[in-house]
Structure formats: C-alpha cells, structure tokens
Amino acid sequence: MQQNIDDQQFYDKQRARTTIRREYRLQRWAFRLYLAIVALLLLCIVIGAIGIKTSWGAFIVDGSVPWKWILPCALVLGFAFIFTDTFIQNQEEGWFRRYGTQIMATVVAFEEVRIWRWPRRFFSGGSEYRLQLEWTSPQNGKIYTFSRRVRDSKLPVSGSQIPVIIDAADPTDYLQEDFKRSYDW
C-alpha cells in the first residue's frame, strides 16, 4: 500500500514538473510569434508611410486597415505575457514548496551584473549582484553550484549560509528566487 502511495506521489511530482516546463516552452514560442507579428505590423506601417502616394500605401495608412483595433490588441497581448509569466512562476514556486528540499548553501562569491536599465539607474540608484553559492551533498559528496540575484545594497559576506530549495532527485534543479534581506547571515 505504501509503495502505491509513493509511486503516485512520484508520478504527481513528475507530471506537475513536466506541465510547468511545457508552459514555459509554450510561452517562449508564443512570445516569439508575438514579436514576429509586432515586427510585421511595424513594417506595414513604415512601408505604408513611405509609399503613401501609391495606392497600396494609401490603403495601409488610411482607414481601410483597422489600426485603431489592431494596435491596442497587440499592446494588450504584450501585457498578457507579463501575467502568464507570473502565473507560471507561481506554479513553479508552489511545486518547489511542495516537493522541494531546503538546504543551506554557502556564499562563495558575488559579482556585479552590468546591465543598464534606465528605471533602476535613475530611480533606485542600486546595483544588481549575482551570488555564487555552493553546497556539498552529504549522500555522494558532490559539489553543486547555485546562483541568486541580489538587488539590495547589503550583500551577505563570503562563507555565510543561504537557504536554497532544491529538487532532491536532481539537485541541479532549484528555485531561482531573488535573495532577500530577511535571511540571517
């Protein structure tokens, strides 16, 4: 009886993880398709503006093509990707909270991420860092490395312990959440 319950939990875990991976893959392909459609729309607008004196340019730019509906719909679809990404991330967090194992990884290094983002540069003034973490598995002695993004100005010191939630079956698979100051180091 216990074996059947363990098998069912294993299959539920695998099915949920596979579903999340499929959703991420579908979202990436849908976003690529969306970008291609937006590029095609912009190309149509530019070509119509360039060829406004021709019959096909006038057709594109005048009221024949319902731009007042096409452009807002494209904008709404763009915002929909933000919501779908948040939805999938919440599912992934729930999966790790349910099936994951919390371990304590050691901070071995951190480096500043050099990405120029205008809102972050002008409004928060903060930098973004990437923590490099290591954990040695007590079962096989293998060293696993993890990384975490830190947006706070207060960084943990090298050698401090940071909690990481991993999949015990595959320790290379871990919850990639941002580091928060609430951890004690």
Protein backbone atom coordinates (compact mmCIF):
# COMPACT_ATOMS: atom_id res chain seq x y z
CA MET A 1 0.00 0.00 0.00
CA GLN A 2 2.80 2.44 0.93
CA GLN A 3 4.57 1.62 -2.35
CA ASN A 4 1.46 2.64 -4.32
CA ILE A 5 1.26 5.95 -2.44
CA ASP A 6 4.96 6.65 -3.06
CA ASP A 7 4.58 5.78 -6.76
CA GLN A 8 1.54 8.04 -7.04
CA GLN A 9 3.39 10.93 -5.37
CA PHE A 10 6.35 10.40 -7.69
CA TYR A 11 4.11 10.48 -10.78
CA ASP A 12 2.21 13.52 -9.48
CA LYS A 13 5.53 15.29 -8.91
CA GLN A 14 6.82 14.39 -12.38
CA ARG A 15 3.56 15.34 -14.08
CA ALA A 16 3.44 18.74 -12.34
CA ARG A 17 7.07 19.46 -13.26
CA THR A 18 6.51 18.43 -16.87
CA THR A 19 3.44 20.67 -17.06
CA ILE A 20 5.43 23.67 -15.80
CA ARG A 21 8.22 23.03 -18.32
CA ARG A 22 5.70 22.74 -21.15
CA GLU A 23 4.06 26.01 -20.10
CA TYR A 24 7.42 27.79 -20.13
CA ARG A 25 8.22 26.35 -23.56
CA LEU A 26 4.80 27.31 -24.94
CA GLN A 27 5.13 30.80 -23.52
CA ARG A 28 8.57 31.28 -25.14
CA TRP A 29 7.27 30.21 -28.56
CA ALA A 30 4.13 32.33 -28.22
CA PHE A 31 6.28 35.34 -27.30
CA ARG A 32 8.50 34.79 -30.34
CA LEU A 33 5.39 34.62 -32.52
CA TYR A 34 4.07 37.81 -30.89
CA LEU A 35 7.36 39.62 -31.59
CA ALA A 36 7.23 38.50 -35.22
CA ILE A 37 3.66 39.79 -35.58
CA VAL A 38 4.54 43.13 -33.98
CA ALA A 39 7.56 43.45 -36.27
CA LEU A 40 5.32 42.70 -39.25
CA LEU A 41 2.81 45.34 -38.12
CA LEU A 42 5.56 47.93 -37.71
CA LEU A 43 6.94 47.02 -41.12
CA CYS A 44 3.47 47.52 -42.64
CA ILE A 45 3.16 50.93 -41.01
CA VAL A 46 6.61 52.03 -42.18
CA ILE A 47 6.01 50.75 -45.72
CA GLY A 48 2.61 52.44 -45.80
CA ALA A 49 4.10 55.73 -44.61
CA ILE A 50 6.89 55.53 -47.18
CA GLY A 51 4.56 54.65 -50.02
CA ILE A 52 1.66 56.91 -49.03
CA LYS A 53 1.49 58.36 -52.54
CA THR A 54 0.87 54.92 -54.02
CA SER A 55 -2.43 53.04 -53.94
CA TRP A 56 -1.18 50.28 -51.65
CA GLY A 57 0.48 52.78 -49.27
CA ALA A 58 -2.73 54.78 -49.05
CA PHE A 59 -4.65 51.57 -48.39
CA ILE A 60 -2.38 50.73 -45.43
CA VAL A 61 -2.35 54.20 -43.88
CA ASP A 62 -5.92 55.37 -44.41
CA GLY A 63 -8.89 53.89 -42.55
CA SER A 64 -9.11 50.69 -44.62
CA VAL A 65 -6.92 48.75 -42.19
CA PRO A 66 -8.43 48.84 -38.67
CA TRP A 67 -5.35 50.19 -36.88
CA LYS A 68 -7.45 51.55 -34.01
CA TRP A 69 -8.22 47.91 -33.12
CA ILE A 70 -5.01 46.17 -34.18
CA LEU A 71 -2.55 48.29 -32.19
CA PRO A 72 -4.41 48.22 -28.83
CA CYS A 73 -4.94 44.46 -29.19
CA ALA A 74 -1.21 44.00 -29.82
CA LEU A 75 -0.47 46.07 -26.72
CA VAL A 76 -2.88 44.05 -24.57
CA LEU A 77 -1.34 40.81 -25.82
CA GLY A 78 2.08 42.14 -24.86
CA PHE A 79 0.91 42.77 -21.31
CA ALA A 80 -0.64 39.30 -21.21
CA PHE A 81 2.85 37.80 -21.34
CA ILE A 82 3.70 39.50 -18.05
CA PHE A 83 0.69 37.89 -16.40
CA THR A 84 1.33 34.45 -17.87
CA ASP A 85 4.95 34.60 -16.72
CA THR A 86 3.84 35.47 -13.20
CA PHE A 87 1.29 32.65 -13.26
CA ILE A 88 3.89 30.08 -14.36
CA GLN A 89 6.44 31.33 -11.82
CA ASN A 90 3.83 30.96 -9.05
CA GLN A 91 3.18 27.39 -10.17
CA GLU A 92 6.91 26.67 -10.11
CA GLU A 93 7.29 28.18 -6.63
CA GLY A 94 4.37 26.06 -5.43
CA TRP A 95 5.98 22.97 -6.92
CA PHE A 96 9.26 23.64 -5.10
CA ARG A 97 7.45 24.46 -1.84
CA ARG A 98 5.56 21.16 -2.06
CA TYR A 99 8.19 18.78 -3.45
CA GLY A 100 11.48 20.59 -2.83
CA THR A 101 14.01 20.20 -0.06
CA GLN A 102 15.58 23.19 1.66
CA ILE A 103 19.34 23.10 2.02
CA MET A 104 21.84 25.65 3.30
CA ALA A 105 24.32 26.72 0.62
CA THR A 106 27.49 28.68 1.28
CA VAL A 107 28.21 32.03 -0.38
CA VAL A 108 31.49 31.65 -2.26
CA ALA A 109 31.46 34.78 -4.42
CA PHE A 110 29.36 37.60 -5.78
CA GLU A 111 29.71 39.79 -8.83
CA GLU A 112 28.01 42.91 -10.06
CA VAL A 113 25.68 42.38 -13.00
CA ARG A 114 26.41 45.03 -15.56
CA ILE A 115 23.04 45.56 -17.20
CA TRP A 116 21.94 49.08 -17.96
CA ARG A 117 18.31 49.59 -17.04
CA TRP A 118 17.13 53.16 -17.05
CA PRO A 119 14.48 52.89 -14.29
CA ARG A 120 16.95 51.20 -11.94
CA ARG A 121 19.73 53.66 -12.76
CA PHE A 122 17.67 56.81 -12.34
CA PHE A 123 15.16 55.90 -9.65
CA SER A 124 16.64 53.36 -7.25
CA GLY A 125 20.32 54.03 -7.68
CA GLY A 126 21.05 50.44 -6.66
CA SER A 127 23.15 47.85 -8.34
CA GLU A 128 22.29 44.28 -9.07
CA TYR A 129 24.55 41.43 -7.98
CA ARG A 130 24.70 37.70 -8.61
CA LEU A 131 25.58 35.48 -5.64
CA GLN A 132 27.51 32.28 -6.32
CA LEU A 133 26.56 29.54 -3.85
CA GLU A 134 27.91 26.04 -3.26
CA TRP A 135 26.52 23.03 -1.46
CA THR A 136 28.09 19.61 -0.91
CA SER A 137 25.69 16.69 -0.99
CA PRO A 138 26.09 14.54 2.13
CA GLN A 139 24.99 11.43 0.19
CA ASN A 140 27.62 11.46 -2.57
CA GLY A 141 30.00 14.31 -1.65
CA LYS A 142 29.36 16.05 -4.97
CA ILE A 143 29.53 19.87 -5.01
CA TYR A 144 26.57 21.70 -6.57
CA THR A 145 26.62 25.37 -7.50
CA PHE A 146 23.70 27.77 -7.47
CA SER A 147 23.29 31.45 -8.18
CA ARG A 148 20.94 34.07 -6.85
CA ARG A 149 20.16 37.61 -7.88
CA VAL A 150 20.53 40.31 -5.22
CA ARG A 151 19.09 43.78 -5.67
CA ASP A 152 19.80 45.00 -2.16
CA SER A 153 22.81 47.14 -1.38
CA LYS A 154 23.57 44.99 1.67
CA LEU A 155 25.31 41.83 0.45
CA PRO A 156 25.96 38.74 2.56
CA VAL A 157 29.59 38.04 3.39
CA SER A 158 31.52 35.17 1.85
CA GLY A 159 31.05 31.98 3.84
CA SER A 160 27.56 32.81 5.09
CA GLN A 161 24.76 30.25 4.74
CA ILE A 162 21.79 30.97 2.46
CA PRO A 163 18.72 28.69 2.17
CA VAL A 164 18.08 27.22 -1.28
CA ILE A 165 15.18 24.97 -2.22
CA ILE A 166 16.26 22.12 -4.50
CA ASP A 167 14.70 19.09 -6.10
CA ALA A 168 16.24 16.23 -4.10
CA ALA A 169 16.05 13.92 -7.14
CA ASP A 170 18.01 16.43 -9.25
CA PRO A 171 19.96 18.96 -7.12
CA THR A 172 20.89 20.99 -10.20
CA ASP A 173 17.22 21.97 -10.40
CA TYR A 174 16.50 24.65 -7.80
CA LEU A 175 14.12 27.53 -7.11
CA GLN A 176 15.70 30.58 -8.68
CA GLU A 177 14.30 33.30 -6.48
CA ASP A 178 15.81 36.65 -5.58
CA PHE A 179 17.84 36.94 -2.40
CA LYS A 180 16.07 38.94 0.30
CA ARG A 181 17.42 40.60 3.43
CA SER A 182 15.16 38.53 5.65
CA TYR A 183 17.77 35.76 5.75
CA ASP A 184 20.13 35.75 8.69
CA TRP A 185 23.81 35.67 7.83
